[in-house]
Amino acid sequence: MAQTQPTILVKDIMTRSLISVDSSATVNEAAKLMEKAKVGSVLIMEKNVPIGIMTDRDFAIRIAAHAYPIHTKVKQVMSSPLVHVSPNDEVWVAADLMYTRKIRRLPVLDEDVLLGIVTATDFVKLYTVCNREDTRKAYYHALTKIFDDHNEETVASY
């Protein structure tokens, strides 16, 4: 009888150490925290509930490109609503969400409690330790997604 592979969950690969700021913080304060912690994002909180995220890309695209002053509040330029996953979601659910939404960082929440974050780097680390069956499953999942996306576009064009 074939033995089934264990399911890899988001909580198995997520990063638990997080940087967060209150929504009243300035983009300058957020950038300094990110630099000090050597991370690419900061979670934006209101009353201990995550409401958004600021990434290094947000700084480049939103702040620098539009010449926002450094005293701009993070709430004004953060990405929101916050796209997130549950710690008990399969990693492929998180990967698919990141792919479809074109995001590189995905907070992990249980209800409104922030538990961690999954990043593209976490998936690279996971891939380096995948066995052949894991790789086949990921490949199949990617092909299915591409095929489904193509069929949706074809149907929509009729």
Protein backbone atom coordinates (compact mmCIF):
# COMPACT_ATOMS: atom_id res chain seq x y z
CA MET A 1 0.00 0.00 0.00
CA ALA A 2 1.38 3.41 -1.00
CA GLN A 3 2.29 5.73 1.81
CA THR A 4 0.91 9.27 1.51
CA GLN A 5 3.25 12.21 1.85
CA PRO A 6 2.64 14.51 4.81
CA THR A 7 0.97 17.80 3.93
CA ILE A 8 3.19 20.86 4.34
CA LEU A 9 1.33 23.68 6.04
CA VAL A 10 2.00 27.42 6.10
CA LYS A 11 2.88 27.23 9.80
CA ASP A 12 5.70 24.81 8.90
CA ILE A 13 7.54 27.33 6.71
CA MET A 14 6.45 30.77 7.96
CA THR A 15 8.81 33.23 9.58
CA ARG A 16 7.67 34.01 13.11
CA SER A 17 9.77 37.08 13.82
CA LEU A 18 7.96 40.17 12.57
CA ILE A 19 8.38 43.90 12.49
CA SER A 20 5.27 46.00 12.99
CA VAL A 21 4.41 49.66 13.51
CA ASP A 22 1.31 51.54 14.50
CA SER A 23 -0.65 53.10 11.64
CA SER A 24 0.28 56.54 12.96
CA ALA A 25 4.01 55.94 12.33
CA THR A 26 5.76 57.78 9.51
CA VAL A 27 7.27 56.13 6.46
CA ASN A 28 10.67 57.28 7.70
CA GLU A 29 10.19 55.47 11.03
CA ALA A 30 9.03 52.33 9.21
CA ALA A 31 12.01 52.44 6.84
CA LYS A 32 14.46 52.79 9.73
CA LEU A 33 12.92 49.77 11.49
CA MET A 34 13.12 47.72 8.30
CA GLU A 35 16.76 48.70 7.80
CA LYS A 36 17.70 47.87 11.39
CA ALA A 37 15.95 44.48 11.27
CA LYS A 38 17.20 43.77 7.72
CA VAL A 39 13.71 42.87 6.49
CA GLY A 40 11.74 43.79 3.39
CA SER A 41 8.42 44.60 5.02
CA VAL A 42 6.69 45.97 8.06
CA LEU A 43 3.16 45.13 9.18
CA ILE A 44 0.87 48.07 9.96
CA MET A 45 -1.23 47.70 13.11
CA GLU A 46 -4.21 49.47 14.67
CA LYS A 47 -5.19 48.45 18.20
CA ASN A 48 -2.98 45.34 17.83
CA VAL A 49 -4.87 44.24 14.70
CA PRO A 50 -2.96 44.06 11.38
CA ILE A 51 -4.53 46.37 8.79
CA GLY A 52 -1.86 46.62 6.10
CA ILE A 53 1.71 46.05 5.02
CA MET A 54 4.53 48.27 3.75
CA THR A 55 7.16 46.58 1.63
CA ASP A 56 10.44 47.71 0.15
CA ARG A 57 8.61 47.76 -3.19
CA ASP A 58 5.99 50.13 -1.74
CA PHE A 59 8.81 52.48 -0.80
CA ALA A 60 10.21 52.39 -4.34
CA ILE A 61 6.92 52.58 -6.24
CA ARG A 62 4.57 54.58 -4.05
CA ILE A 63 6.79 56.82 -1.98
CA ALA A 64 9.84 57.52 -4.15
CA ALA A 65 7.99 57.61 -7.48
CA HIS A 66 5.35 60.01 -6.14
CA ALA A 67 7.77 62.04 -3.99
CA TYR A 68 5.88 61.60 -0.73
CA PRO A 69 7.63 63.41 2.15
CA ILE A 70 9.30 61.25 4.79
CA HIS A 71 6.79 62.37 7.42
CA THR A 72 3.89 60.77 5.50
CA LYS A 73 1.94 58.34 7.69
CA VAL A 74 2.28 54.67 6.75
CA LYS A 75 -1.50 54.32 6.77
CA GLN A 76 -1.65 56.67 3.78
CA VAL A 77 0.62 54.54 1.56
CA MET A 78 0.38 50.98 2.94
CA SER A 79 -0.99 48.09 0.92
CA SER A 80 -4.46 47.23 2.15
CA PRO A 81 -6.74 45.45 2.63
CA LEU A 82 -4.29 42.95 4.02
CA VAL A 83 -4.14 39.77 1.95
CA HIS A 84 -3.31 36.89 4.31
CA VAL A 85 -3.43 33.15 4.92
CA SER A 86 -4.16 30.87 7.86
CA PRO A 87 -1.39 28.88 9.57
CA ASN A 88 -3.22 25.65 8.69
CA ASP A 89 -3.49 26.37 4.96
CA GLU A 90 -1.39 24.17 2.71
CA VAL A 91 1.71 25.89 1.34
CA TRP A 92 0.35 25.51 -2.20
CA VAL A 93 -2.66 27.66 -1.24
CA ALA A 94 -0.30 30.40 -0.08
CA ALA A 95 1.87 30.06 -3.20
CA ASP A 96 -1.17 30.28 -5.45
CA LEU A 97 -2.44 33.37 -3.62
CA MET A 98 0.96 35.04 -3.92
CA TYR A 99 1.10 34.18 -7.62
CA THR A 100 -2.41 35.39 -8.47
CA ARG A 101 -2.10 38.59 -6.42
CA LYS A 102 1.50 39.22 -7.56
CA ILE A 103 2.77 39.65 -4.01
CA ARG A 104 6.00 38.43 -2.41
CA ARG A 105 5.03 38.57 1.26
CA LEU A 106 1.94 37.08 2.85
CA PRO A 107 1.05 37.61 6.52
CA VAL A 108 -0.21 34.61 8.48
CA LEU A 109 -3.19 35.31 10.72
CA ASP A 110 -5.35 33.24 13.02
CA GLU A 111 -8.50 35.33 13.37
CA ASP A 112 -7.02 38.84 13.85
CA VAL A 113 -3.86 37.57 15.56
CA LEU A 114 -0.67 37.99 13.55
CA LEU A 115 1.44 34.82 13.81
CA GLY A 116 4.04 35.19 11.09
CA ILE A 117 4.74 35.88 7.46
CA VAL A 118 5.43 33.72 4.41
CA THR A 119 7.77 35.16 1.81
CA ALA A 120 9.02 34.12 -1.60
CA THR A 121 12.31 33.31 0.13
CA ASP A 122 10.50 30.82 2.38
CA PHE A 123 9.30 29.02 -0.75
CA VAL A 124 12.82 28.93 -2.19
CA LYS A 125 14.05 27.39 1.08
CA LEU A 126 11.20 24.86 0.97
CA TYR A 127 11.97 23.93 -2.61
CA THR A 128 15.60 23.18 -1.78
CA VAL A 129 14.50 20.42 0.61
CA CYS A 130 11.62 19.03 -1.44
CA ASN A 131 11.68 15.41 -2.47
CA ARG A 132 10.74 14.22 -5.94
CA GLU A 133 7.05 13.76 -5.06
CA ASP A 134 6.82 17.28 -3.59
CA THR A 135 8.38 18.68 -6.76
CA ARG A 136 5.94 16.73 -8.96
CA LYS A 137 3.02 18.03 -6.90
CA ALA A 138 4.24 21.62 -7.21
CA TYR A 139 4.80 21.21 -10.95
CA TYR A 140 1.34 19.69 -11.42
CA HIS A 141 -0.22 22.48 -9.36
CA ALA A 142 1.55 25.13 -11.47
CA LEU A 143 0.52 23.50 -14.75
CA THR A 144 -3.07 23.19 -13.58
CA LYS A 145 -3.09 26.86 -12.62
CA ILE A 146 -1.67 27.94 -15.98
CA PHE A 147 -4.17 25.73 -17.83
CA ASP A 148 -7.11 27.02 -15.75
CA ASP A 149 -6.03 30.66 -16.27
CA HIS A 150 -5.75 30.09 -20.04
CA ASN A 151 -9.21 28.47 -20.17
CA GLU A 152 -10.76 31.36 -18.23
CA GLU A 153 -9.27 33.83 -20.71
CA THR A 154 -10.51 31.76 -23.66
CA VAL A 155 -14.04 31.47 -22.26
CA ALA A 156 -14.12 35.20 -21.41
CA SER A 157 -13.21 36.10 -24.99
CA TYR A 158 -16.31 34.34 -26.42
